[in-house]
Amino acid sequence: GVAAQAGAPRLPACCGLRRTAWVMLRLTDIFVAGLLLCNSAAVLNEDRFLAKIGWGYESTRSDPPGMKRQVIMLLHAGRVLLTIPLMGLNVVVIALKLIMG
């Protein structure tokens, strides 16, 4: 509003652009982006999605070690081990977003 403009110092356009870009990418935003990536890996359904493209856990247990098998094992371990902690982190992030905006 008008009151905010009256007391605010004017910065050159180049400084305002840098300041805006820096403010847009905060540590909390990076954390939330990582949380969203973990959520997306955790909700992949093995029967409906991963097995159809050959990335099912059961079908690759006998495969030789390789990059594909390691990624499949990581996805499986993430779904098994991180389900409960992800629920808790999601609740905390949602509550903080509701409180702080």
N, C-alpha and C. Protein backbone atom coordinates (compact mmCIF):
# COMPACT_ATOMS: atom_id res chain seq x y z
N GLY A 1 0.80 -1.17 0.00
CA GLY A 1 0.00 0.00 0.00
C GLY A 1 0.85 1.25 0.00
N VAL A 2 0.19 2.39 0.18
CA VAL A 2 0.85 3.69 0.16
C VAL A 2 1.73 3.86 1.39
N ALA A 3 1.29 3.37 2.55
CA ALA A 3 2.08 3.51 3.78
C ALA A 3 3.37 2.72 3.69
N ALA A 4 3.34 1.58 3.07
CA ALA A 4 4.56 0.76 2.94
C ALA A 4 5.55 1.41 1.99
N GLN A 5 5.06 2.09 0.97
CA GLN A 5 5.94 2.73 0.01
C GLN A 5 6.59 3.98 0.58
N ALA A 6 5.93 4.67 1.49
CA ALA A 6 6.46 5.92 2.02
C ALA A 6 7.71 5.68 2.86
N GLY A 7 7.75 4.61 3.68
CA GLY A 7 8.88 4.38 4.56
C GLY A 7 9.96 3.51 3.96
N ALA A 8 9.69 2.86 2.85
CA ALA A 8 10.65 1.93 2.27
C ALA A 8 11.69 2.67 1.44
N PRO A 9 12.97 2.33 1.64
CA PRO A 9 14.01 2.97 0.82
C PRO A 9 13.97 2.45 -0.60
N ARG A 10 14.29 3.31 -1.54
CA ARG A 10 14.32 2.91 -2.95
C ARG A 10 15.67 2.29 -3.26
N LEU A 11 15.66 1.11 -3.84
CA LEU A 11 16.88 0.43 -4.24
C LEU A 11 16.98 0.49 -5.75
N PRO A 12 18.20 0.48 -6.29
CA PRO A 12 18.34 0.41 -7.74
C PRO A 12 17.71 -0.87 -8.27
N ALA A 13 17.32 -0.85 -9.52
CA ALA A 13 16.62 -1.98 -10.11
C ALA A 13 17.45 -3.25 -10.06
N CYS A 14 18.76 -3.14 -10.25
CA CYS A 14 19.60 -4.34 -10.24
C CYS A 14 19.63 -4.97 -8.84
N CYS A 15 19.67 -4.16 -7.79
CA CYS A 15 19.70 -4.70 -6.43
C CYS A 15 18.38 -5.35 -6.07
N GLY A 16 17.30 -4.76 -6.50
CA GLY A 16 15.98 -5.32 -6.22
C GLY A 16 15.80 -6.68 -6.89
N LEU A 17 16.34 -6.83 -8.11
CA LEU A 17 16.23 -8.09 -8.83
C LEU A 17 17.00 -9.18 -8.11
N ARG A 18 18.22 -8.88 -7.68
CA ARG A 18 19.02 -9.87 -6.96
C ARG A 18 18.38 -10.22 -5.63
N ARG A 19 17.89 -9.24 -4.92
CA ARG A 19 17.28 -9.47 -3.62
C ARG A 19 16.04 -10.33 -3.77
N THR A 20 15.24 -10.08 -4.79
CA THR A 20 14.04 -10.86 -5.02
C THR A 20 14.39 -12.31 -5.37
N ALA A 21 15.40 -12.51 -6.19
CA ALA A 21 15.79 -13.86 -6.57
C ALA A 21 16.31 -14.61 -5.35
N TRP A 22 17.05 -13.96 -4.47
CA TRP A 22 17.58 -14.62 -3.30
C TRP A 22 16.48 -14.95 -2.31
N VAL A 23 15.52 -14.07 -2.13
CA VAL A 23 14.44 -14.30 -1.18
C VAL A 23 13.55 -15.44 -1.67
N MET A 24 13.42 -15.59 -2.98
CA MET A 24 12.53 -16.61 -3.52
C MET A 24 13.04 -18.02 -3.22
N LEU A 25 14.34 -18.22 -3.10
CA LEU A 25 14.90 -19.54 -2.86
C LEU A 25 15.50 -19.57 -1.46
N ARG A 26 14.70 -20.03 -0.51
CA ARG A 26 15.14 -20.12 0.87
C ARG A 26 15.43 -21.57 1.23
N LEU A 27 16.03 -21.77 2.36
CA LEU A 27 16.35 -23.11 2.83
C LEU A 27 15.07 -23.93 3.05
N THR A 28 14.04 -23.29 3.55
CA THR A 28 12.78 -24.01 3.78
C THR A 28 12.17 -24.46 2.45
N ASP A 29 12.31 -23.66 1.42
CA ASP A 29 11.79 -24.05 0.11
C ASP A 29 12.52 -25.27 -0.43
N ILE A 30 13.82 -25.32 -0.21
CA ILE A 30 14.60 -26.48 -0.64
C ILE A 30 14.17 -27.72 0.14
N PHE A 31 13.93 -27.56 1.45
CA PHE A 31 13.46 -28.68 2.27
C PHE A 31 12.10 -29.17 1.80
N VAL A 32 11.18 -28.26 1.51
CA VAL A 32 9.85 -28.65 1.04
C VAL A 32 9.93 -29.33 -0.32
N ALA A 33 10.81 -28.87 -1.19
CA ALA A 33 10.99 -29.52 -2.49
C ALA A 33 11.50 -30.94 -2.32
N GLY A 34 12.45 -31.14 -1.41
CA GLY A 34 12.94 -32.48 -1.12
C GLY A 34 11.86 -33.37 -0.53
N LEU A 35 11.04 -32.79 0.34
CA LEU A 35 9.92 -33.54 0.92
C LEU A 35 8.93 -33.96 -0.16
N LEU A 36 8.66 -33.08 -1.10
CA LEU A 36 7.75 -33.43 -2.19
C LEU A 36 8.33 -34.53 -3.07
N LEU A 37 9.63 -34.51 -3.31
CA LEU A 37 10.26 -35.58 -4.09
C LEU A 37 10.18 -36.92 -3.35
N CYS A 38 10.40 -36.89 -2.04
CA CYS A 38 10.27 -38.12 -1.25
C CYS A 38 8.83 -38.63 -1.26
N ASN A 39 7.87 -37.71 -1.18
CA ASN A 39 6.47 -38.11 -1.24
C ASN A 39 6.14 -38.74 -2.59
N SER A 40 6.67 -38.17 -3.66
CA SER A 40 6.36 -38.72 -4.99
C SER A 40 6.96 -40.11 -5.16
N ALA A 41 8.14 -40.36 -4.59
CA ALA A 41 8.73 -41.70 -4.66
C ALA A 41 7.97 -42.68 -3.78
N ALA A 42 7.44 -42.19 -2.66
CA ALA A 42 6.75 -43.07 -1.72
C ALA A 42 5.38 -43.52 -2.22
N VAL A 43 4.74 -42.73 -3.06
CA VAL A 43 3.39 -43.09 -3.49
C VAL A 43 3.35 -43.90 -4.79
N LEU A 44 4.52 -44.18 -5.37
CA LEU A 44 4.53 -44.99 -6.58
C LEU A 44 4.05 -46.40 -6.24
N ASN A 45 3.00 -46.83 -6.88
CA ASN A 45 2.44 -48.15 -6.63
C ASN A 45 3.17 -49.18 -7.47
N GLU A 46 3.67 -50.21 -6.81
CA GLU A 46 4.47 -51.19 -7.51
C GLU A 46 3.65 -51.99 -8.53
N ASP A 47 2.45 -52.40 -8.15
CA ASP A 47 1.63 -53.23 -9.05
C ASP A 47 1.07 -52.44 -10.22
N ARG A 48 0.61 -51.24 -9.96
CA ARG A 48 -0.05 -50.46 -11.02
C ARG A 48 0.91 -49.71 -11.92
N PHE A 49 2.09 -49.38 -11.42
CA PHE A 49 2.97 -48.54 -12.23
C PHE A 49 4.34 -49.18 -12.47
N LEU A 50 5.05 -49.49 -11.41
CA LEU A 50 6.44 -49.91 -11.55
C LEU A 50 6.57 -51.27 -12.23
N ALA A 51 5.72 -52.23 -11.89
CA ALA A 51 5.83 -53.57 -12.49
C ALA A 51 5.53 -53.53 -13.99
N LYS A 52 4.67 -52.65 -14.41
CA LYS A 52 4.31 -52.55 -15.83
C LYS A 52 5.48 -52.08 -16.69
N ILE A 53 6.37 -51.31 -16.11
CA ILE A 53 7.52 -50.82 -16.89
C ILE A 53 8.79 -51.60 -16.58
N GLY A 54 8.64 -52.72 -15.84
CA GLY A 54 9.78 -53.57 -15.55
C GLY A 54 10.62 -53.13 -14.37
N TRP A 55 10.04 -52.30 -13.50
CA TRP A 55 10.77 -51.80 -12.34
C TRP A 55 10.18 -52.34 -11.04
N GLY A 56 9.53 -53.49 -11.08
CA GLY A 56 8.96 -54.08 -9.88
C GLY A 56 10.04 -54.69 -9.00
N TYR A 57 9.84 -54.66 -7.71
CA TYR A 57 10.84 -55.18 -6.77
C TYR A 57 10.99 -56.69 -6.91
N GLU A 58 9.89 -57.41 -6.96
CA GLU A 58 9.94 -58.87 -7.01
C GLU A 58 10.58 -59.37 -8.31
N SER A 59 10.31 -58.71 -9.41
CA SER A 59 10.83 -59.19 -10.70
C SER A 59 12.33 -58.92 -10.87
N THR A 60 12.88 -58.03 -10.10
CA THR A 60 14.30 -57.69 -10.28
C THR A 60 15.18 -58.21 -9.15
N ARG A 61 14.64 -59.00 -8.25
CA ARG A 61 15.45 -59.53 -7.13
C ARG A 61 16.54 -60.47 -7.63
N SER A 62 16.28 -61.17 -8.72
CA SER A 62 17.28 -62.10 -9.24
C SER A 62 18.18 -61.48 -10.30
N ASP A 63 17.96 -60.23 -10.64
CA ASP A 63 18.80 -59.55 -11.63
C ASP A 63 20.21 -59.33 -11.09
N PRO A 64 21.19 -59.26 -11.98
CA PRO A 64 22.56 -58.95 -11.53
C PRO A 64 22.63 -57.51 -11.02
N PRO A 65 23.58 -57.21 -10.14
CA PRO A 65 23.71 -55.85 -9.62
C PRO A 65 23.97 -54.84 -10.74
N GLY A 66 23.29 -53.75 -10.66
CA GLY A 66 23.45 -52.69 -11.65
C GLY A 66 22.74 -51.44 -11.17
N MET A 67 22.80 -50.40 -11.98
CA MET A 67 22.20 -49.12 -11.62
C MET A 67 20.68 -49.24 -11.49
N LYS A 68 20.05 -49.93 -12.43
CA LYS A 68 18.59 -50.08 -12.39
C LYS A 68 18.16 -50.79 -11.11
N ARG A 69 18.85 -51.86 -10.76
CA ARG A 69 18.49 -52.61 -9.56
C ARG A 69 18.70 -51.75 -8.31
N GLN A 70 19.74 -50.95 -8.28
CA GLN A 70 19.98 -50.09 -7.12
C GLN A 70 18.88 -49.04 -6.96
N VAL A 71 18.42 -48.48 -8.08
CA VAL A 71 17.34 -47.50 -8.01
C VAL A 71 16.05 -48.17 -7.53
N ILE A 72 15.77 -49.37 -8.02
CA ILE A 72 14.58 -50.10 -7.60
C ILE A 72 14.65 -50.43 -6.11
N MET A 73 15.81 -50.86 -5.65
CA MET A 73 15.98 -51.16 -4.23
C MET A 73 15.84 -49.89 -3.38
N LEU A 74 16.34 -48.76 -3.87
CA LEU A 74 16.20 -47.49 -3.15
C LEU A 74 14.74 -47.09 -3.05
N LEU A 75 13.99 -47.20 -4.14
CA LEU A 75 12.56 -46.88 -4.12
C LEU A 75 11.82 -47.79 -3.15
N HIS A 76 12.14 -49.07 -3.17
CA HIS A 76 11.47 -50.02 -2.28
C HIS A 76 11.79 -49.70 -0.82
N ALA A 77 13.07 -49.47 -0.53
CA ALA A 77 13.47 -49.14 0.84
C ALA A 77 12.83 -47.83 1.30
N GLY A 78 12.75 -46.86 0.41
CA GLY A 78 12.11 -45.59 0.75
C GLY A 78 10.65 -45.75 1.08
N ARG A 79 9.96 -46.59 0.32
CA ARG A 79 8.54 -46.82 0.59
C ARG A 79 8.35 -47.54 1.92
N VAL A 80 9.22 -48.49 2.21
CA VAL A 80 9.07 -49.29 3.43
C VAL A 80 9.49 -48.49 4.67
N LEU A 81 10.65 -47.87 4.61
CA LEU A 81 11.22 -47.24 5.80
C LEU A 81 10.75 -45.82 6.07
N LEU A 82 10.39 -45.10 5.03
CA LEU A 82 10.09 -43.67 5.21
C LEU A 82 8.60 -43.34 5.26
N THR A 83 7.74 -44.33 5.26
CA THR A 83 6.30 -44.04 5.24
C THR A 83 5.86 -43.27 6.47
N ILE A 84 6.18 -43.77 7.65
CA ILE A 84 5.76 -43.12 8.90
C ILE A 84 6.47 -41.77 9.09
N PRO A 85 7.80 -41.69 8.92
CA PRO A 85 8.43 -40.36 9.06
C PRO A 85 7.91 -39.33 8.05
N LEU A 86 7.60 -39.77 6.82
CA LEU A 86 7.05 -38.82 5.84
C LEU A 86 5.69 -38.30 6.28
N MET A 87 4.88 -39.15 6.86
CA MET A 87 3.57 -38.69 7.35
C MET A 87 3.76 -37.61 8.41
N GLY A 88 4.68 -37.85 9.35
CA GLY A 88 4.94 -36.87 10.39
C GLY A 88 5.48 -35.57 9.84
N LEU A 89 6.44 -35.65 8.92
CA LEU A 89 6.98 -34.42 8.31
C LEU A 89 5.93 -33.66 7.53
N ASN A 90 5.06 -34.39 6.82
CA ASN A 90 3.98 -33.72 6.08
C ASN A 90 3.04 -32.98 7.02
N VAL A 91 2.70 -33.60 8.14
CA VAL A 91 1.82 -32.94 9.11
C VAL A 91 2.48 -31.68 9.66
N VAL A 92 3.77 -31.76 9.98
CA VAL A 92 4.49 -30.59 10.51
C VAL A 92 4.55 -29.48 9.47
N VAL A 93 4.87 -29.82 8.22
CA VAL A 93 4.97 -28.79 7.18
C VAL A 93 3.61 -28.15 6.91
N ILE A 94 2.56 -28.96 6.87
CA ILE A 94 1.21 -28.41 6.64
C ILE A 94 0.82 -27.49 7.78
N ALA A 95 1.08 -27.89 9.02
CA ALA A 95 0.74 -27.05 10.17
C ALA A 95 1.52 -25.74 10.13
N LEU A 96 2.82 -25.81 9.81
CA LEU A 96 3.61 -24.58 9.73
C LEU A 96 3.14 -23.66 8.61
N LYS A 97 2.77 -24.26 7.47
CA LYS A 97 2.27 -23.44 6.35
C LYS A 97 0.95 -22.76 6.73
N LEU A 98 0.09 -23.48 7.48
CA LEU A 98 -1.17 -22.88 7.90
C LEU A 98 -0.95 -21.76 8.92
N ILE A 99 -0.01 -21.96 9.81
CA ILE A 99 0.24 -20.96 10.85
C ILE A 99 0.99 -19.75 10.29
N MET A 100 2.05 -20.00 9.53
CA MET A 100 2.92 -18.91 9.07
C MET A 100 2.55 -18.35 7.70
N GLY A 101 1.78 -19.07 6.97
CA GLY A 101 1.35 -18.57 5.66
C GLY A 101 2.23 -18.90 4.52
